[in-house]
């Protein structure tokens, strides 16, 4: 039994196995909840607005931005402030 909260803090690498289970499966099969309208839908059913720089995935119900993915020289960025959760 840990003596205090700091005993429970571990390096983020310890979460690798859990995160691998989340990010390896087909993302289009995941369920996503819209932060604006609370609708749960499959990622594959979202509306895509694509551009040469990246993609914006919008809720098919209220058209709020759920995910933004941009590929830059400094890396691939994923922003999901419009979503409450992803469920696999």
PDB file of N, CA and C in Angstrom:
ATOM      1  N   UNK A   1       0.855  -1.178   0.000  1.00  0.00           N
ATOM      2  CA  UNK A   1       0.000   0.000   0.000  1.00  0.00           C
ATOM      3  C   UNK A   1       0.894   1.231   0.000  1.00  0.00           C
ATOM      4  N   UNK A   2       0.690   2.144  -0.974  1.00  0.00           N
ATOM      5  CA  UNK A   2       1.520   3.346  -1.022  1.00  0.00           C
ATOM      6  C   UNK A   2       1.269   4.244   0.186  1.00  0.00           C
ATOM      7  N   UNK A   3       2.318   4.942   0.610  1.00  0.00           N
ATOM      8  CA  UNK A   3       2.207   5.847   1.755  1.00  0.00           C
ATOM      9  C   UNK A   3       1.631   7.203   1.377  1.00  0.00           C
ATOM     10  N   UNK A   4       1.852   7.636   0.137  1.00  0.00           N
ATOM     11  CA  UNK A   4       1.294   8.911  -0.310  1.00  0.00           C
ATOM     12  C   UNK A   4       1.083   8.880  -1.824  1.00  0.00           C
ATOM     13  N   UNK A   5       0.466   9.939  -2.362  1.00  0.00           N
ATOM     14  CA  UNK A   5       0.110   9.979  -3.779  1.00  0.00           C
ATOM     15  C   UNK A   5       1.345   9.907  -4.664  1.00  0.00           C
ATOM     16  N   UNK A   6       2.454  10.501  -4.247  1.00  0.00           N
ATOM     17  CA  UNK A   6       3.647  10.499  -5.099  1.00  0.00           C
ATOM     18  C   UNK A   6       4.153   9.081  -5.343  1.00  0.00           C
ATOM     19  N   UNK A   7       3.802   8.127  -4.494  1.00  0.00           N
ATOM     20  CA  UNK A   7       4.191   6.744  -4.718  1.00  0.00           C
ATOM     21  C   UNK A   7       3.445   6.130  -5.905  1.00  0.00           C
ATOM     22  N   UNK A   8       2.314   6.720  -6.327  1.00  0.00           N
ATOM     23  CA  UNK A   8       1.517   6.203  -7.439  1.00  0.00           C
ATOM     24  C   UNK A   8       1.917   6.808  -8.777  1.00  0.00           C
ATOM     25  N   UNK A   9       2.768   7.823  -8.787  1.00  0.00           N
ATOM     26  CA  UNK A   9       3.162   8.487 -10.019  1.00  0.00           C
ATOM     27  C   UNK A   9       4.290   7.708 -10.676  1.00  0.00           C
ATOM     28  N   UNK A  10       4.064   7.330 -11.932  1.00  0.00           N
ATOM     29  CA  UNK A  10       5.044   6.543 -12.675  1.00  0.00           C
ATOM     30  C   UNK A  10       5.373   7.260 -13.970  1.00  0.00           C
ATOM     31  N   UNK A  11       6.418   6.856 -14.612  1.00  0.00           N
ATOM     32  CA  UNK A  11       6.808   7.357 -15.922  1.00  0.00           C
ATOM     33  C   UNK A  11       5.717   6.987 -16.935  1.00  0.00           C
ATOM     34  N   UNK A  12       5.453   7.863 -17.914  1.00  0.00           N
ATOM     35  CA  UNK A  12       4.425   7.614 -18.921  1.00  0.00           C
ATOM     36  C   UNK A  12       4.667   6.372 -19.754  1.00  0.00           C
ATOM     37  N   UNK A  13       5.887   5.908 -19.818  1.00  0.00           N
ATOM     38  CA  UNK A  13       6.181   4.688 -20.582  1.00  0.00           C
ATOM     39  C   UNK A  13       5.459   3.469 -20.025  1.00  0.00           C
ATOM     40  N   UNK A  14       5.077   3.532 -18.764  1.00  0.00           N
ATOM     41  CA  UNK A  14       4.370   2.408 -18.147  1.00  0.00           C
ATOM     42  C   UNK A  14       2.995   2.224 -18.797  1.00  0.00           C
ATOM     43  N   UNK A  15       2.436   3.290 -19.370  1.00  0.00           N
ATOM     44  CA  UNK A  15       1.119   3.221 -20.012  1.00  0.00           C
ATOM     45  C   UNK A  15       1.198   2.733 -21.452  1.00  0.00           C
ATOM     46  N   UNK A  16       2.378   2.385 -21.937  1.00  0.00           N
ATOM     47  CA  UNK A  16       2.557   2.011 -23.348  1.00  0.00           C
ATOM     48  C   UNK A  16       1.623   0.884 -23.781  1.00  0.00           C
ATOM     49  N   UNK A  17       1.514  -0.154 -22.985  1.00  0.00           N
ATOM     50  CA  UNK A  17       0.666  -1.302 -23.379  1.00  0.00           C
ATOM     51  C   UNK A  17      -0.805  -0.885 -23.486  1.00  0.00           C
ATOM     52  N   UNK A  18      -1.284  -0.116 -22.528  1.00  0.00           N
ATOM     53  CA  UNK A  18      -2.672   0.353 -22.563  1.00  0.00           C
ATOM     54  C   UNK A  18      -2.906   1.250 -23.778  1.00  0.00           C
ATOM     55  N   UNK A  19      -2.007   2.212 -24.012  1.00  0.00           N
ATOM     56  CA  UNK A  19      -2.178   3.136 -25.135  1.00  0.00           C
ATOM     57  C   UNK A  19      -2.055   2.420 -26.479  1.00  0.00           C
ATOM     58  N   UNK A  20      -1.236   1.393 -26.549  1.00  0.00           N
ATOM     59  CA  UNK A  20      -1.115   0.628 -27.781  1.00  0.00           C
ATOM     60  C   UNK A  20      -2.443  -0.048 -28.112  1.00  0.00           C
ATOM     61  N   UNK A  21      -3.158  -0.504 -27.104  1.00  0.00           N
ATOM     62  CA  UNK A  21      -4.475  -1.119 -27.328  1.00  0.00           C
ATOM     63  C   UNK A  21      -5.458  -0.092 -27.866  1.00  0.00           C
ATOM     64  N   UNK A  22      -5.307   1.174 -27.495  1.00  0.00           N
ATOM     65  CA  UNK A  22      -6.222   2.226 -27.929  1.00  0.00           C
ATOM     66  C   UNK A  22      -5.905   2.681 -29.348  1.00  0.00           C
ATOM     67  N   UNK A  23      -4.630   2.855 -29.675  1.00  0.00           N
ATOM     68  CA  UNK A  23      -4.289   3.504 -30.930  1.00  0.00           C
ATOM     69  C   UNK A  23      -3.971   2.557 -32.085  1.00  0.00           C
ATOM     70  N   UNK A  24      -3.820   1.278 -31.860  1.00  0.00           N
ATOM     71  CA  UNK A  24      -3.498   0.361 -32.938  1.00  0.00           C
ATOM     72  C   UNK A  24      -4.728  -0.099 -33.729  1.00  0.00           C
ATOM     73  N   UNK A  25      -5.883  -0.320 -33.090  1.00  0.00           N
ATOM     74  CA  UNK A  25      -7.034  -0.795 -33.872  1.00  0.00           C
ATOM     75  C   UNK A  25      -7.469   0.208 -34.943  1.00  0.00           C
ATOM     76  N   UNK A  26      -8.305  -0.251 -35.856  1.00  0.00           N
ATOM     77  CA  UNK A  26      -8.844   0.603 -36.915  1.00  0.00           C
ATOM     78  C   UNK A  26      -9.635   1.751 -36.286  1.00  0.00           C
ATOM     79  N   UNK A  27      -9.124   2.958 -36.433  1.00  0.00           N
ATOM     80  CA  UNK A  27      -9.733   4.132 -35.798  1.00  0.00           C
ATOM     81  C   UNK A  27     -11.148   4.385 -36.320  1.00  0.00           C
ATOM     82  N   UNK A  28     -11.446   3.988 -37.556  1.00  0.00           N
ATOM     83  CA  UNK A  28     -12.772   4.249 -38.097  1.00  0.00           C
ATOM     84  C   UNK A  28     -13.855   3.424 -37.395  1.00  0.00           C
ATOM     85  N   UNK A  29     -13.451   2.386 -36.668  1.00  0.00           N
ATOM     86  CA  UNK A  29     -14.417   1.568 -35.927  1.00  0.00           C
ATOM     87  C   UNK A  29     -14.692   2.118 -34.529  1.00  0.00           C
ATOM     88  N   UNK A  30     -13.885   3.085 -34.077  1.00  0.00           N
ATOM     89  CA  UNK A  30     -14.071   3.657 -32.744  1.00  0.00           C
ATOM     90  C   UNK A  30     -15.332   4.518 -32.701  1.00  0.00           C
ATOM     91  N   UNK A  31     -15.926   4.600 -31.526  1.00  0.00           N
ATOM     92  CA  UNK A  31     -17.068   5.478 -31.300  1.00  0.00           C
ATOM     93  C   UNK A  31     -16.559   6.786 -30.727  1.00  0.00           C
ATOM     94  N   UNK A  32     -17.172   7.881 -31.144  1.00  0.00           N
ATOM     95  CA  UNK A  32     -16.765   9.198 -30.673  1.00  0.00           C
ATOM     96  C   UNK A  32     -18.004   9.972 -30.247  1.00  0.00           C
ATOM     97  N   UNK A  33     -17.897  10.684 -29.114  1.00  0.00           N
ATOM     98  CA  UNK A  33     -19.030  11.490 -28.633  1.00  0.00           C
ATOM     99  C   UNK A  33     -18.737  12.957 -28.905  1.00  0.00           C
ATOM    100  N   UNK A  34     -19.662  13.618 -29.577  1.00  0.00           N
ATOM    101  CA  UNK A  34     -19.541  15.036 -29.897  1.00  0.00           C
ATOM    102  C   UNK A  34     -19.700  15.875 -28.634  1.00  0.00           C
ATOM    103  N   UNK A  35     -18.791  16.797 -28.417  1.00  0.00           N
ATOM    104  CA  UNK A  35     -18.853  17.671 -27.245  1.00  0.00           C
ATOM    105  C   UNK A  35     -20.023  18.653 -27.345  1.00  0.00           C
ATOM    106  N   UNK A  36     -20.424  19.006 -28.560  1.00  0.00           N
ATOM    107  CA  UNK A  36     -21.486  20.007 -28.733  1.00  0.00           C
ATOM    108  C   UNK A  36     -22.891  19.428 -28.629  1.00  0.00           C
ATOM    109  N   UNK A  37     -23.170  18.329 -29.349  1.00  0.00           N
ATOM    110  CA  UNK A  37     -24.540  17.804 -29.380  1.00  0.00           C
ATOM    111  C   UNK A  37     -24.699  16.484 -28.628  1.00  0.00           C
ATOM    112  N   UNK A  38     -23.598  15.930 -28.117  1.00  0.00           N
ATOM    113  CA  UNK A  38     -23.613  14.700 -27.316  1.00  0.00           C
ATOM    114  C   UNK A  38     -23.922  13.448 -28.124  1.00  0.00           C
ATOM    115  N   UNK A  39     -23.940  13.543 -29.451  1.00  0.00           N
ATOM    116  CA  UNK A  39     -24.207  12.369 -30.282  1.00  0.00           C
ATOM    117  C   UNK A  39     -22.996  11.435 -30.277  1.00  0.00           C
ATOM    118  N   UNK A  40     -23.253  10.136 -30.186  1.00  0.00           N
ATOM    119  CA  UNK A  40     -22.205   9.129 -30.302  1.00  0.00           C
ATOM    120  C   UNK A  40     -22.325   8.509 -31.689  1.00  0.00           C
ATOM    121  N   UNK A  41     -21.221   8.514 -32.425  1.00  0.00           N
ATOM    122  CA  UNK A  41     -21.238   7.929 -33.759  1.00  0.00           C
ATOM    123  C   UNK A  41     -19.893   7.282 -34.043  1.00  0.00           C
ATOM    124  N   UNK A  42     -19.829   6.527 -35.103  1.00  0.00           N
ATOM    125  CA  UNK A  42     -18.565   5.926 -35.506  1.00  0.00           C
ATOM    126  C   UNK A  42     -17.676   6.970 -36.170  1.00  0.00           C
ATOM    127  N   UNK A  43     -16.382   6.875 -35.932  1.00  0.00           N
ATOM    128  CA  UNK A  43     -15.456   7.824 -36.557  1.00  0.00           C
ATOM    129  C   UNK A  43     -15.595   7.754 -38.077  1.00  0.00           C
ATOM    130  N   UNK A  44     -15.849   6.568 -38.596  1.00  0.00           N
ATOM    131  CA  UNK A  44     -15.999   6.409 -40.037  1.00  0.00           C
ATOM    132  C   UNK A  44     -17.219   7.100 -40.612  1.00  0.00           C
ATOM    133  N   UNK A  45     -18.162   7.497 -39.767  1.00  0.00           N
ATOM    134  CA  UNK A  45     -19.363   8.165 -40.270  1.00  0.00           C
ATOM    135  C   UNK A  45     -19.284   9.688 -40.151  1.00  0.00           C
ATOM    136  N   UNK A  46     -18.148  10.207 -39.673  1.00  0.00           N
ATOM    137  CA  UNK A  46     -17.995  11.665 -39.561  1.00  0.00           C
ATOM    138  C   UNK A  46     -17.832  12.287 -40.943  1.00  0.00           C
ATOM    139  N   UNK A  47     -18.025  13.591 -41.027  1.00  0.00           N
ATOM    140  CA  UNK A  47     -17.869  14.320 -42.291  1.00  0.00           C
ATOM    141  C   UNK A  47     -16.430  14.833 -42.365  1.00  0.00           C
ATOM    142  N   UNK A  48     -15.753  14.548 -43.469  1.00  0.00           N
ATOM    143  CA  UNK A  48     -14.358  14.952 -43.644  1.00  0.00           C
ATOM    144  C   UNK A  48     -14.267  16.204 -44.508  1.00  0.00           C
ATOM    145  N   UNK A  49     -13.517  17.190 -43.997  1.00  0.00           N
ATOM    146  CA  UNK A  49     -13.121  18.353 -44.784  1.00  0.00           C
ATOM    147  C   UNK A  49     -11.615  18.235 -44.936  1.00  0.00           C
ATOM    148  N   UNK A  50     -11.171  17.871 -46.124  1.00  0.00           N
ATOM    149  CA  UNK A  50      -9.745  17.616 -46.354  1.00  0.00           C
ATOM    150  C   UNK A  50      -9.099  18.789 -47.071  1.00  0.00           C
ATOM    151  N   UNK A  51      -7.832  18.995 -46.770  1.00  0.00           N
ATOM    152  CA  UNK A  51      -7.030  19.992 -47.471  1.00  0.00           C
ATOM    153  C   UNK A  51      -5.622  19.429 -47.592  1.00  0.00           C
ATOM    154  N   UNK A  52      -4.766  20.055 -48.401  1.00  0.00           N
ATOM    155  CA  UNK A  52      -3.394  19.549 -48.514  1.00  0.00           C
ATOM    156  C   UNK A  52      -2.654  19.531 -47.171  1.00  0.00           C
ATOM    157  N   UNK A  53      -3.030  20.381 -46.246  1.00  0.00           N
ATOM    158  CA  UNK A  53      -2.335  20.438 -44.952  1.00  0.00           C
ATOM    159  C   UNK A  53      -2.819  19.393 -43.964  1.00  0.00           C
ATOM    160  N   UNK A  54      -4.079  18.950 -44.110  1.00  0.00           N
ATOM    161  CA  UNK A  54      -4.587  18.013 -43.129  1.00  0.00           C
ATOM    162  C   UNK A  54      -6.074  17.783 -43.298  1.00  0.00           C
ATOM    163  N   UNK A  55      -6.710  17.394 -42.194  1.00  0.00           N
ATOM    164  CA  UNK A  55      -8.113  17.023 -42.256  1.00  0.00           C
ATOM    165  C   UNK A  55      -8.853  17.519 -41.028  1.00  0.00           C
ATOM    166  N   UNK A  56     -10.111  17.885 -41.236  1.00  0.00           N
ATOM    167  CA  UNK A  56     -11.002  18.218 -40.137  1.00  0.00           C
ATOM    168  C   UNK A  56     -12.179  17.256 -40.242  1.00  0.00           C
ATOM    169  N   UNK A  57     -12.446  16.530 -39.151  1.00  0.00           N
ATOM    170  CA  UNK A  57     -13.577  15.616 -39.106  1.00  0.00           C
ATOM    171  C   UNK A  57     -14.668  16.252 -38.277  1.00  0.00           C
ATOM    172  N   UNK A  58     -15.849  16.354 -38.870  1.00  0.00           N
ATOM    173  CA  UNK A  58     -16.969  17.045 -38.237  1.00  0.00           C
ATOM    174  C   UNK A  58     -18.085  16.074 -37.873  1.00  0.00           C
ATOM    175  N   UNK A  59     -18.832  16.424 -36.852  1.00  0.00           N
ATOM    176  CA  UNK A  59     -20.002  15.649 -36.437  1.00  0.00           C
ATOM    177  C   UNK A  59     -21.015  15.651 -37.580  1.00  0.00           C
ATOM    178  N   UNK A  60     -21.535  14.474 -37.918  1.00  0.00           N
ATOM    179  CA  UNK A  60     -22.507  14.361 -38.998  1.00  0.00           C
ATOM    180  C   UNK A  60     -23.856  14.953 -38.602  1.00  0.00           C
ATOM    181  N   UNK A  61     -24.080  15.172 -37.304  1.00  0.00           N
ATOM    182  CA  UNK A  61     -25.353  15.691 -36.824  1.00  0.00           C
ATOM    183  C   UNK A  61     -25.352  17.222 -36.731  1.00  0.00           C
ATOM    184  N   UNK A  62     -24.332  17.795 -36.042  1.00  0.00           N
ATOM    185  CA  UNK A  62     -24.321  19.251 -35.816  1.00  0.00           C
ATOM    186  C   UNK A  62     -23.169  19.963 -36.535  1.00  0.00           C
ATOM    187  N   UNK A  63     -22.308  19.220 -37.210  1.00  0.00           N
ATOM    188  CA  UNK A  63     -21.184  19.740 -37.985  1.00  0.00           C
ATOM    189  C   UNK A  63     -20.127  20.459 -37.144  1.00  0.00           C
ATOM    190  N   UNK A  64     -20.078  20.184 -35.844  1.00  0.00           N
ATOM    191  CA  UNK A  64     -18.996  20.712 -35.010  1.00  0.00           C
ATOM    192  C   UNK A  64     -17.705  19.971 -35.335  1.00  0.00           C
ATOM    193  N   UNK A  65     -16.591  20.666 -35.191  1.00  0.00           N
ATOM    194  CA  UNK A  65     -15.283  20.040 -35.405  1.00  0.00           C
ATOM    195  C   UNK A  65     -14.997  19.070 -34.264  1.00  0.00           C
ATOM    196  N   UNK A  66     -14.755  17.806 -34.594  1.00  0.00           N
ATOM    197  CA  UNK A  66     -14.430  16.814 -33.563  1.00  0.00           C
ATOM    198  C   UNK A  66     -12.948  16.490 -33.533  1.00  0.00           C
ATOM    199  N   UNK A  67     -12.341  16.360 -34.702  1.00  0.00           N
ATOM    200  CA  UNK A  67     -10.926  15.997 -34.778  1.00  0.00           C
ATOM    201  C   UNK A  67     -10.262  16.815 -35.874  1.00  0.00           C
ATOM    202  N   UNK A  68      -9.024  17.225 -35.612  1.00  0.00           N
ATOM    203  CA  UNK A  68      -8.211  17.881 -36.637  1.00  0.00           C
ATOM    204  C   UNK A  68      -6.869  17.167 -36.673  1.00  0.00           C
ATOM    205  N   UNK A  69      -6.468  16.771 -37.859  1.00  0.00           N
ATOM    206  CA  UNK A  69      -5.177  16.106 -38.034  1.00  0.00           C
ATOM    207  C   UNK A  69      -4.378  16.886 -39.065  1.00  0.00           C
ATOM    208  N   UNK A  70      -3.147  17.238 -38.687  1.00  0.00           N
ATOM    209  CA  UNK A  70      -2.279  18.017 -39.566  1.00  0.00           C
ATOM    210  C   UNK A  70      -0.910  17.360 -39.588  1.00  0.00           C
ATOM    211  N   UNK A  71      -0.386  17.186 -40.790  1.00  0.00           N
ATOM    212  CA  UNK A  71       0.945  16.604 -40.964  1.00  0.00           C
ATOM    213  C   UNK A  71       1.904  17.745 -41.269  1.00  0.00           C
ATOM    214  N   UNK A  72       2.849  18.007 -40.373  1.00  0.00           N
ATOM    215  CA  UNK A  72       3.805  19.104 -40.537  1.00  0.00           C
ATOM    216  C   UNK A  72       5.223  18.529 -40.560  1.00  0.00           C
ATOM    217  N   UNK A  73       6.186  19.324 -40.964  1.00  0.00           N
ATOM    218  CA  UNK A  73       7.577  18.847 -40.905  1.00  0.00           C
ATOM    219  C   UNK A  73       8.019  18.497 -39.479  1.00  0.00           C
ATOM    220  N   UNK A  74       7.340  19.041 -38.477  1.00  0.00           N
ATOM    221  CA  UNK A  74       7.697  18.766 -37.081  1.00  0.00           C
ATOM    222  C   UNK A  74       6.930  17.593 -36.489  1.00  0.00           C
ATOM    223  N   UNK A  75       6.029  16.985 -37.284  1.00  0.00           N
ATOM    224  CA  UNK A  75       5.304  15.824 -36.776  1.00  0.00           C
ATOM    225  C   UNK A  75       3.839  15.832 -37.158  1.00  0.00           C
ATOM    226  N   UNK A  76       3.164  14.762 -36.807  1.00  0.00           N
ATOM    227  CA  UNK A  76       1.732  14.610 -37.060  1.00  0.00           C
ATOM    228  C   UNK A  76       0.989  15.047 -35.807  1.00  0.00           C
ATOM    229  N   UNK A  77       0.058  15.974 -35.975  1.00  0.00           N
ATOM    230  CA  UNK A  77      -0.669  16.554 -34.840  1.00  0.00           C
ATOM    231  C   UNK A  77      -2.125  16.124 -34.900  1.00  0.00           C
ATOM    232  N   UNK A  78      -2.651  15.765 -33.756  1.00  0.00           N
ATOM    233  CA  UNK A  78      -4.062  15.408 -33.643  1.00  0.00           C
ATOM    234  C   UNK A  78      -4.660  16.219 -32.508  1.00  0.00           C
ATOM    235  N   UNK A  79      -5.710  16.965 -32.817  1.00  0.00           N
ATOM    236  CA  UNK A  79      -6.407  17.783 -31.818  1.00  0.00           C
ATOM    237  C   UNK A  79      -7.837  17.268 -31.748  1.00  0.00           C
ATOM    238  N   UNK A  80      -8.356  17.057 -30.537  1.00  0.00           N
ATOM    239  CA  UNK A  80      -9.689  16.473 -30.380  1.00  0.00           C
ATOM    240  C   UNK A  80     -10.527  17.228 -29.344  1.00  0.00           C
ATOM    241  N   UNK A  81     -10.409  18.536 -29.285  1.00  0.00           N
ATOM    242  CA  UNK A  81     -11.154  19.267 -28.256  1.00  0.00           C
ATOM    243  C   UNK A  81     -12.662  19.221 -28.485  1.00  0.00           C
ATOM    244  N   UNK A  82     -13.101  18.892 -29.692  1.00  0.00           N
ATOM    245  CA  UNK A  82     -14.531  18.828 -29.952  1.00  0.00           C
ATOM    246  C   UNK A  82     -15.169  17.501 -29.578  1.00  0.00           C
ATOM    247  N   UNK A  83     -14.370  16.576 -29.077  1.00  0.00           N
ATOM    248  CA  UNK A  83     -14.894  15.256 -28.717  1.00  0.00           C
ATOM    249  C   UNK A  83     -14.828  15.051 -27.208  1.00  0.00           C
ATOM    250  N   UNK A  84     -15.804  14.366 -26.680  1.00  0.00           N
ATOM    251  CA  UNK A  84     -15.784  14.019 -25.251  1.00  0.00           C
ATOM    252  C   UNK A  84     -14.942  12.775 -25.020  1.00  0.00           C
ATOM    253  N   UNK A  85     -15.046  11.790 -25.922  1.00  0.00           N
ATOM    254  CA  UNK A  85     -14.263  10.567 -25.776  1.00  0.00           C
ATOM    255  C   UNK A  85     -14.208   9.803 -27.079  1.00  0.00           C
ATOM    256  N   UNK A  86     -13.259   8.888 -27.141  1.00  0.00           N
ATOM    257  CA  UNK A  86     -13.188   7.852 -28.166  1.00  0.00           C
ATOM    258  C   UNK A  86     -13.345   6.532 -27.442  1.00  0.00           C
ATOM    259  N   UNK A  87     -14.122   5.621 -27.990  1.00  0.00           N
ATOM    260  CA  UNK A  87     -14.292   4.301 -27.378  1.00  0.00           C
ATOM    261  C   UNK A  87     -13.984   3.225 -28.405  1.00  0.00           C
ATOM    262  N   UNK A  88     -13.118   2.299 -28.050  1.00  0.00           N
ATOM    263  CA  UNK A  88     -12.754   1.198 -28.944  1.00  0.00           C
ATOM    264  C   UNK A  88     -13.398  -0.086 -28.485  1.00  0.00           C
TER     265      UNK A  88
END
